[in-house]
Amino acid sequence: TIVGSGMASGGRYRGVAPDATLLDGKVCETFGCPESAIVAGMQWAADAGARVVNLSLGGVDSPGVDPLEAAIDNLSAQRGTLFVVAAGNDGPDSGTVNSPASAGTALAVGAVDDQDQAARFSSRGPRTGDAALKPELTAPGVAIVAARARNAVIGDPIDESYMSLSGTSMATPHAAGAVTLVAQRHPDWTGSQLKALLVGAADTTEGTSAFAQGAGRVDAGRAVAQEVHTEPAAVSAGRQAWPHDDDQPTTQAVTYRNPGAEPITLALTIEVTAPDGGPAPDGMFTLGAEQLTVPAGGDARVDVTVDTSVPSPDGAYSAWIVATAGETVVTTPVAVDKEIESYDLTVVNRDRNGDPTAFYQALVVGLDEFRLESPYDPDGTFTARLPRGRYHLDSTVFTQRAGAAPHAALLVQPLVELAGDTTIELDARRSRPLEVAFERDDLVMRTAAVAYQRIGEPGVLLRWLEAGTLDGASTGHFGPEVARDEMITQFDGAWAVPDGSGGFLRSERLYNLAWYEYGRMMTGLSREVRDAQLAKVRADYRAGGLGRVGRAWAASRPPGMTPFFIT
């Protein structure tokens, strides 16, 4: 049984008869996929008896176990279900694998082109937090032609029935389909066994790191033809913290399982790649044996030792244990992150009472090499381990209010120069409110938002705080300012004189206003507006026919900034 979840409109589950082999679960809305819907969909699929679940979705991962990762790990343990999940489209930078592909039990799938080369957009490991190896394998995900949904708004249409689309969301169904072929042959196997067999049968691409491809491109034919697999399917030596003068070797066991009726003798080799794609130094990866006999219906183990104290450049190292016996080829990827010069960035999030709070949403963005992290710790203070360099820091801090919605403070420090362990406090008490007053007393605010665009070498970051009322919204700048052309902050608002019914559909007077600051986040806003200060635009609208309605919209845009807010 396979379940597909992805960018489909609607939030209901569409099932078929109980004896069917294909279920279809929709957990995404037109814009976004609520986590609660994703978890409910996974539970529904497992309850329905799905052995394999395809999840072509994901979002930014953070250290620790989030609700989606926990749901996958729990359902996998309870039901033996295998969740096949898109690694994400945030490559080629390292550490960009999405959640929930980051779940330990999930089979994370990257994308390759028709030459088996890793797609530039395909997210790479290591996993955020512990530097575990992700993804475990890859599948075709570039210019994939598939059936086109009615009213589809993504992809390149081929004709009315088909479209072309690139992404790990297209690679993942290839892997999920391959798993179902293996599951047909082994109806009593658990999801972890199916994962191990598929990973072990993958075809490794030379010159590509394990953090980009895992074991390699999925090979359904080989997976169906052989039975030997390893536990674990991939070996993660984690991250050896910088500096490396005290690194200690780590040894892990790789167990080969042979469900067949005859013993098998495997020849073992290990292939190693340095961060620059060249050979790694001798002694960094070693195997405990060059040959291993696995009894029929039994298992045998070999140790693999990783030693980063061996003189070598810092960076991510990859290895593949290759076990062969005739036509049988079992590949087990091994990876370690020999950390480059890095430091701890500790951020304390304080609410408007001055207390560290669990109610915040933070972003840390790399400016020298793009990286996007969303760290979180419920005590209000998080620590992110980051390479030396320049970073942009953003946190929306919420303060609970009795009888009202929480106060939201958008706090931004656009430049953090990390050259040692650093602690920063983002204190909502230092933010200021957003206030706009008019000489007219009959205006009602329809909507407002404050946003900024942060421009740098790695890319563009656009963030905003939207509200239906300015009560309970504030902003604050922290740290140094940056160049005018590196950051633009914009406040947009729309006010109107209500129509006769108290709404705005037939308002005769509408105020669209915007203010900007450059090189910094605005720390609050206080404006008094008089009609004489404003330009006036008169517009007459006519219906295009009986019963037809239209919509007028306006968007402000300072030079160099993308329009983000429509009123």
Foldseek 3Di string as FASTA:
>chain_A
DEEEEDQDADLAWDADDLPDQYGYGYQAHNPGGDPVSVLVRVVVCLVSPAQEYEAEDFDFDAADADPQLVSQVVSCVVRLHEYQYEQFQQDDDEQGGGPPLLRPRYQYEFEDAPVQHGDRRTYFYDHHHWRFAPRQAYFHFAFDKDFDDPPDDDAADPDRTIGTHGGSSVTRVVLRVLLVLQCVVVVPDGNQQSSQLQSFQADQDALDFCRRGNSGYTDSVLSNVARKGKVRSAAEPTEDDPPDQPFDKDKDKIKIFAQAPAKFKWFKDKAKADPVRHGDDPPQKDKQDRMDIAGHRGMDIIMIMGTPSPDDDFAKMKMWIWIDTVSHITIYIYIYGHDDAKAKEKEAEAELVRAQAQAKWKWKFAFVATDIHTYHDGRRMDIHIGHFAKIKIWMWGWADDPPDGTQTEIEIEGIDGDPYHYYYYGHSNQADFADEAEPDPQKAWQWKKKWKWFDHDNGIDIDMDIDRDRVRYTYYWDDDFADQLGMKMKIWTKIFRADPVRHNPPTPDMDIDMDMDGRTYDRYHYYYDYPVVDDDDDDDDDAPDPPHDDDDWDFDDDPPDDTDDID
